C-alpha atoms as a PDB file:
ATOM      1  CA  MET A   1      21.998-223.862  65.724  1.00  0.00           C
ATOM      2  CA  SER A   2      19.629-221.108  67.754  1.00  0.00           C
ATOM      3  CA  GLN A   3      20.538-219.446  70.508  1.00  0.00           C
ATOM      4  CA  PRO A   4      18.915-218.749  74.281  1.00  0.00           C
ATOM      5  CA  SER A   5      18.030-215.377  74.324  1.00  0.00           C
ATOM      6  CA  SER A   6      19.503-215.406  77.952  1.00  0.00           C
ATOM      7  CA  PRO A   7      22.282-216.843  78.840  1.00  0.00           C
ATOM      8  CA  PRO A   8      21.760-219.267  81.977  1.00  0.00           C
ATOM      9  CA  ASP A   9      22.539-217.983  85.439  1.00  0.00           C
ATOM     10  CA  PRO A  10      26.091-220.063  86.107  1.00  0.00           C
ATOM     11  CA  LEU A  11      25.935-219.837  89.571  1.00  0.00           C
ATOM     12  CA  HIS A  12      21.996-221.626  90.116  1.00  0.00           C
ATOM     13  CA  GLY A  13      21.427-222.268  86.587  1.00  0.00           C
ATOM     14  CA  VAL A  14      17.773-221.592  86.504  1.00  0.00           C
ATOM     15  CA  GLU A  15      16.785-217.993  85.792  1.00  0.00           C
ATOM     16  CA  PRO A  16      18.564-215.318  83.254  1.00  0.00           C
ATOM     17  CA  LEU A  17      20.274-212.728  83.801  1.00  0.00           C
ATOM     18  CA  SER A  18      20.533-209.316  82.937  1.00  0.00           C
ATOM     19  CA  ASP A  19      23.253-206.884  81.760  1.00  0.00           C
ATOM     20  CA  GLU A  20      23.250-205.772  85.738  1.00  0.00           C
ATOM     21  CA  ALA A  21      23.574-209.090  86.925  1.00  0.00           C
ATOM     22  CA  VAL A  22      26.037-210.719  84.565  1.00  0.00           C
ATOM     23  CA  VAL A  23      28.483-208.083  85.512  1.00  0.00           C
ATOM     24  CA  ALA A  24      27.370-208.354  89.496  1.00  0.00           C
ATOM     25  CA  ALA A  25      28.882-211.992  89.046  1.00  0.00           C
ATOM     26  CA  THR A  26      31.726-210.941  86.948  1.00  0.00           C
ATOM     27  CA  ARG A  27      32.647-208.314  89.321  1.00  0.00           C
ATOM     28  CA  ASP A  28      32.284-210.889  92.798  1.00  0.00           C
ATOM     29  CA  TRP A  29      34.339-213.252  90.221  1.00  0.00           C
ATOM     30  CA  VAL A  30      37.212-210.372  90.669  1.00  0.00           C
ATOM     31  CA  VAL A  31      36.596-209.613  94.103  1.00  0.00           C
ATOM     32  CA  LYS A  32      36.341-212.873  95.354  1.00  0.00           C
ATOM     33  CA  ALA A  33      38.740-215.184  93.126  1.00  0.00           C
ATOM     34  CA  VAL A  34      41.356-212.660  91.062  1.00  0.00           C
ATOM     35  CA  ILE A  35      41.770-210.389  94.367  1.00  0.00           C
ATOM     36  CA  GLY A  36      40.706-212.338  96.948  1.00  0.00           C
ATOM     37  CA  LEU A  37      42.802-215.640  96.120  1.00  0.00           C
ATOM     38  CA  ASN A  38      45.612-213.417  94.508  1.00  0.00           C
ATOM     39  CA  LEU A  39      45.675-215.332  91.143  1.00  0.00           C
ATOM     40  CA  CYS A  40      46.326-211.536  89.938  1.00  0.00           C
ATOM     41  CA  PRO A  41      48.475-209.229  92.416  1.00  0.00           C
ATOM     42  CA  PHE A  42      48.103-206.661  89.990  1.00  0.00           C
ATOM     43  CA  ALA A  43      44.200-206.524  89.989  1.00  0.00           C
ATOM     44  CA  LYS A  44      43.459-205.215  93.685  1.00  0.00           C
ATOM     45  CA  ALA A  45      44.821-201.859  92.526  1.00  0.00           C
ATOM     46  CA  VAL A  46      43.093-201.075  89.403  1.00  0.00           C
ATOM     47  CA  HIS A  47      39.565-202.473  91.094  1.00  0.00           C
ATOM     48  CA  ALA A  48      40.230-200.137  93.657  1.00  0.00           C
ATOM     49  CA  LYS A  49      40.958-197.366  91.607  1.00  0.00           C
ATOM     50  CA  ARG A  50      37.770-198.428  89.959  1.00  0.00           C
ATOM     51  CA  GLN A  51      40.139-198.548  86.346  1.00  0.00           C
ATOM     52  CA  ILE A  52      38.223-201.894  84.971  1.00  0.00           C
ATOM     53  CA  ARG A  53      35.325-201.102  82.432  1.00  0.00           C
ATOM     54  CA  TYR A  54      32.897-204.281  82.412  1.00  0.00           C
ATOM     55  CA  VAL A  55      30.758-204.307  79.192  1.00  0.00           C
ATOM     56  CA  VAL A  56      28.305-207.476  78.233  1.00  0.00           C
ATOM     57  CA  SER A  57      28.216-208.227  74.601  1.00  0.00           C
ATOM     58  CA  HIS A  58      25.575-209.236  73.187  1.00  0.00           C
ATOM     59  CA  ALA A  59      26.847-210.404  70.138  1.00  0.00           C
ATOM     60  CA  ARG A  60      24.986-213.653  69.389  1.00  0.00           C
ATOM     61  CA  THR A  61      27.688-214.628  66.197  1.00  0.00           C
ATOM     62  CA  VAL A  62      31.440-214.097  65.974  1.00  0.00           C
ATOM     63  CA  GLU A  63      31.314-211.552  63.620  1.00  0.00           C
ATOM     64  CA  ALA A  64      29.310-208.839  65.778  1.00  0.00           C
ATOM     65  CA  LEU A  65      31.371-210.398  68.984  1.00  0.00           C
ATOM     66  CA  LEU A  66      34.553-209.000  66.934  1.00  0.00           C
ATOM     67  CA  GLU A  67      32.989-205.886  66.306  1.00  0.00           C
ATOM     68  CA  ASN A  68      32.311-205.028  69.569  1.00  0.00           C
ATOM     69  CA  LEU A  69      36.308-206.359  70.034  1.00  0.00           C
ATOM     70  CA  LEU A  70      37.605-203.959  67.501  1.00  0.00           C
ATOM     71  CA  HIS A  71      35.119-201.443  68.895  1.00  0.00           C
ATOM     72  CA  GLU A  72      36.108-202.039  72.697  1.00  0.00           C
ATOM     73  CA  LEU A  73      40.066-201.905  71.346  1.00  0.00           C
ATOM     74  CA  GLN A  74      39.785-198.585  69.989  1.00  0.00           C
ATOM     75  CA  LEU A  75      38.413-197.318  73.005  1.00  0.00           C
ATOM     76  CA  LEU A  76      40.576-198.908  75.564  1.00  0.00           C
ATOM     77  CA  ALA A  77      43.589-197.328  73.238  1.00  0.00           C
ATOM     78  CA  ALA A  78      42.139-193.440  73.558  1.00  0.00           C
ATOM     79  CA  ALA A  79      41.211-193.756  76.952  1.00  0.00           C
ATOM     80  CA  ASP A  80      42.889-191.680  79.651  1.00  0.00           C
ATOM     81  CA  PRO A  81      44.275-195.074  81.635  1.00  0.00           C
ATOM     82  CA  GLY A  82      43.780-193.220  84.698  1.00  0.00           C
ATOM     83  CA  ASP A  83      40.577-193.365  83.829  1.00  0.00           C
ATOM     84  CA  VAL A  84      40.178-196.949  81.875  1.00  0.00           C
ATOM     85  CA  ASP A  85      43.707-199.069  82.868  1.00  0.00           C
ATOM     86  CA  THR A  86      41.616-202.440  81.628  1.00  0.00           C
ATOM     87  CA  THR A  87      38.286-203.546  80.132  1.00  0.00           C
ATOM     88  CA  LEU A  88      36.546-207.051  80.718  1.00  0.00           C
ATOM     89  CA  LEU A  89      34.178-207.732  77.343  1.00  0.00           C
ATOM     90  CA  VAL A  90      32.046-209.726  78.634  1.00  0.00           C
ATOM     91  CA  HIS A  91      30.063-211.912  76.028  1.00  0.00           C
ATOM     92  CA  PRO A  92      27.198-214.739  77.542  1.00  0.00           C
ATOM     93  CA  TRP A  93      25.577-215.693  74.308  1.00  0.00           C
ATOM     94  CA  VAL A  94      27.868-216.553  72.044  1.00  0.00           C
ATOM     95  CA  LEU A  95      31.114-219.081  72.224  1.00  0.00           C
ATOM     96  CA  ASN A  96      29.742-220.837  75.374  1.00  0.00           C
ATOM     97  CA  ASP A  97      32.081-223.486  74.122  1.00  0.00           C
ATOM     98  CA  PHE A  98      35.415-223.587  75.202  1.00  0.00           C
ATOM     99  CA  LEU A  99      36.770-225.017  71.854  1.00  0.00           C
ATOM    100  CA  ASP A 100      34.997-222.352  69.638  1.00  0.00           C
ATOM    101  CA  TYR A 101      36.509-219.527  72.237  1.00  0.00           C
ATOM    102  CA  ASN A 102      40.049-220.680  71.961  1.00  0.00           C
ATOM    103  CA  ASP A 103      39.620-220.726  68.186  1.00  0.00           C
ATOM    104  CA  PHE A 104      38.322-217.126  68.380  1.00  0.00           C
ATOM    105  CA  LEU A 105      41.509-215.784  70.002  1.00  0.00           C
ATOM    106  CA  ASP A 106      43.288-216.265  66.544  1.00  0.00           C
ATOM    107  CA  LEU A 107      40.566-213.827  65.674  1.00  0.00           C
ATOM    108  CA  ALA A 108      41.689-211.217  68.872  1.00  0.00           C
ATOM    109  CA  ASP A 109      44.819-211.491  68.567  1.00  0.00           C
ATOM    110  CA  ALA A 110      44.542-210.074  65.177  1.00  0.00           C
ATOM    111  CA  ALA A 111      42.192-207.678  65.842  1.00  0.00           C
ATOM    112  CA  VAL A 112      44.660-205.943  67.704  1.00  0.00           C
ATOM    113  CA  ALA A 113      47.125-206.461  64.746  1.00  0.00           C
ATOM    114  CA  GLU A 114      45.139-204.970  62.343  1.00  0.00           C
ATOM    115  CA  LEU A 115      44.568-201.619  64.429  1.00  0.00           C
ATOM    116  CA  ASP A 116      48.386-201.627  64.454  1.00  0.00           C
ATOM    117  CA  LEU A 117      47.746-201.706  68.567  1.00  0.00           C
ATOM    118  CA  GLU A 118      50.153-205.007  69.349  1.00  0.00           C
ATOM    119  CA  GLY A 119      53.213-203.959  71.759  1.00  0.00           C
ATOM    120  CA  VAL A 120      49.591-201.463  73.150  1.00  0.00           C
ATOM    121  CA  LEU A 121      47.171-203.517  74.065  1.00  0.00           C
ATOM    122  CA  GLN A 122      46.935-207.581  74.001  1.00  0.00           C
ATOM    123  CA  VAL A 123      43.460-209.719  74.804  1.00  0.00           C
ATOM    124  CA  ALA A 124      43.728-212.219  77.678  1.00  0.00           C
ATOM    125  CA  SER A 125      41.529-215.241  77.921  1.00  0.00           C
ATOM    126  CA  PHE A 126      38.732-216.304  80.646  1.00  0.00           C
ATOM    127  CA  HIS A 127      36.178-219.058  80.223  1.00  0.00           C
ATOM    128  CA  PRO A 128      33.540-220.897  82.100  1.00  0.00           C
ATOM    129  CA  ASP A 129      35.368-224.201  80.874  1.00  0.00           C
ATOM    130  CA  TYR A 130      38.481-223.206  80.596  1.00  0.00           C
ATOM    131  CA  ARG A 131      41.496-226.049  80.195  1.00  0.00           C
ATOM    132  CA  PHE A 132      45.049-225.151  79.278  1.00  0.00           C
ATOM    133  CA  ALA A 133      46.743-227.414  76.422  1.00  0.00           C
ATOM    134  CA  GLY A 134      47.324-230.528  78.398  1.00  0.00           C
ATOM    135  CA  SER A 135      45.202-230.915  81.541  1.00  0.00           C
ATOM    136  CA  ALA A 136      42.760-233.120  82.764  1.00  0.00           C
ATOM    137  CA  PRO A 137      39.310-231.180  82.640  1.00  0.00           C
ATOM    138  CA  ASP A 138      38.673-231.147  85.950  1.00  0.00           C
ATOM    139  CA  ASP A 139      42.493-230.131  87.069  1.00  0.00           C
ATOM    140  CA  MET A 140      42.560-227.276  89.480  1.00  0.00           C
ATOM    141  CA  GLY A 141      44.824-225.277  87.625  1.00  0.00           C
ATOM    142  CA  ASN A 142      42.240-224.554  85.198  1.00  0.00           C
ATOM    143  CA  TYR A 143      40.411-222.557  87.428  1.00  0.00           C
ATOM    144  CA  SER A 144      42.867-219.736  87.602  1.00  0.00           C
ATOM    145  CA  ASN A 145      41.352-218.438  83.768  1.00  0.00           C
ATOM    146  CA  ARG A 146      37.462-220.084  84.885  1.00  0.00           C
ATOM    147  CA  SER A 147      34.978-216.827  84.537  1.00  0.00           C
ATOM    148  CA  PRO A 148      31.593-216.963  85.181  1.00  0.00           C
ATOM    149  CA  PHE A 149      30.941-216.235  81.330  1.00  0.00           C
ATOM    150  CA  PRO A 150      32.977-216.345  78.770  1.00  0.00           C
ATOM    151  CA  THR A 151      35.326-213.107  78.804  1.00  0.00           C
ATOM    152  CA  LEU A 152      37.770-211.137  76.618  1.00  0.00           C
ATOM    153  CA  HIS A 153      40.130-209.495  78.686  1.00  0.00           C
ATOM    154  CA  LEU A 154      41.858-206.102  77.108  1.00  0.00           C
ATOM    155  CA  LEU A 155      44.989-204.562  78.957  1.00  0.00           C
ATOM    156  CA  ARG A 156      47.549-202.640  78.333  1.00  0.00           C
ATOM    157  CA  GLU A 157      50.988-203.508  77.649  1.00  0.00           C
ATOM    158  CA  ASP A 158      52.656-200.496  79.569  1.00  0.00           C
ATOM    159  CA  SER A 159      50.137-201.535  82.579  1.00  0.00           C
ATOM    160  CA  VAL A 160      51.694-205.348  82.742  1.00  0.00           C
ATOM    161  CA  ASP A 161      55.450-204.601  82.537  1.00  0.00           C
ATOM    162  CA  ARG A 162      54.569-202.079  85.120  1.00  0.00           C
ATOM    163  CA  ALA A 163      53.299-204.259  86.991  1.00  0.00           C
ATOM    164  CA  VAL A 164      55.244-207.079  86.807  1.00  0.00           C
ATOM    165  CA  ALA A 165      58.660-204.768  87.655  1.00  0.00           C
ATOM    166  CA  ALA A 166      56.453-204.357  90.518  1.00  0.00           C
ATOM    167  CA  PHE A 167      56.454-207.606  91.546  1.00  0.00           C
ATOM    168  CA  PRO A 168      59.467-209.441  92.789  1.00  0.00           C
ATOM    169  CA  GLU A 169      59.695-212.765  91.398  1.00  0.00           C
ATOM    170  CA  ALA A 170      56.444-212.657  88.824  1.00  0.00           C
ATOM    171  CA  GLU A 171      57.805-215.803  87.035  1.00  0.00           C
ATOM    172  CA  ARG A 172      55.919-217.828  90.312  1.00  0.00           C
ATOM    173  CA  ILE A 173      52.439-215.576  89.811  1.00  0.00           C
ATOM    174  CA  TRP A 174      51.360-219.038  87.801  1.00  0.00           C
ATOM    175  CA  GLU A 175      52.993-221.623  90.116  1.00  0.00           C
ATOM    176  CA  ALA A 176      51.509-219.914  93.353  1.00  0.00           C
ATOM    177  CA  ASN A 177      48.190-219.795  91.420  1.00  0.00           C
ATOM    178  CA  ILE A 178      48.430-224.023  91.536  1.00  0.00           C
ATOM    179  CA  GLU A 179      49.509-224.271  94.629  1.00  0.00           C
ATOM    180  CA  THR A 180      46.113-221.982  96.429  1.00  0.00           C
ATOM    181  CA  LEU A 181      43.993-223.376  93.968  1.00  0.00           C
ATOM    182  CA  ARG A 182      44.569-227.293  94.230  1.00  0.00           C
ATOM    183  CA  ARG A 183      44.739-226.455  98.114  1.00  0.00           C
ATOM    184  CA  LEU A 184      41.170-225.194  97.657  1.00  0.00           C
ATOM    185  CA  GLY A 185      39.716-227.884  95.961  1.00  0.00           C
ATOM    186  CA  PRO A 186      36.762-227.974  93.818  1.00  0.00           C
ATOM    187  CA  GLU A 187      34.323-227.722  97.055  1.00  0.00           C
ATOM    188  CA  GLY A 188      35.935-224.820  98.397  1.00  0.00           C
ATOM    189  CA  TRP A 189      35.352-222.928  94.768  1.00  0.00           C
ATOM    190  CA  ARG A 190      31.948-223.514  95.147  1.00  0.00           C
ATOM    191  CA  ARG A 191      31.550-222.052  98.369  1.00  0.00           C
ATOM    192  CA  LEU A 192      33.063-218.916  96.956  1.00  0.00           C
ATOM    193  CA  GLY A 193      29.679-219.074  95.099  1.00  0.00           C
ATOM    194  CA  PHE A 194      30.883-220.508  91.683  1.00  0.00           C
ATOM    195  CA  GLY A 195      29.471-223.604  91.155  1.00  0.00           C
ATOM    196  CA  ARG A 196      29.741-224.496  87.384  1.00  0.00           C
ATOM    197  CA  SER A 197      32.553-226.805  86.940  1.00  0.00           C
ATOM    198  CA  SER A 198      34.279-228.551  83.591  1.00  0.00           C
ATOM    199  CA  GLY A 199      33.524-232.119  82.877  1.00  0.00           C
END
């Protein structure tokens, strides 16, 4: 099956996006949704300190994306956390089908193990059509992991542990997110500028 030369604009669905626009849309989502709705209480600090690395993958195959992932895992592991604490690897041209994306996550975990980085780095998952197991496609809870484009989030285990330890009742974050998103509803999500929804 042929791949499109450019990803569709998830916000308007017409014009293709440049790498710069892909990063801008992803950063906008981080600011308005992840930080603005407090879906991740730990994101504000790394954003403010400019410690988030945004990378647009040009991969059009799973194999090419895996190469990109291995490279970014190694780069993050070697980087000074004060410079790069976390990486968002955005891949607009591959794994746009959520089931295919979900299958790839096993390969992502295997990549961490292959580099002997278990306990050092982890990979979290975001996708425009993200759907938690057992949930309905339109359940607002899914929107906590819905990004403008398929995205692999590379995190440092130490940073996650420190953030969780510093946050009272960290186990309630997921419940609070569900409450926030259900109050917001699909229309509220669209008003933030994120028009795509799954169905």
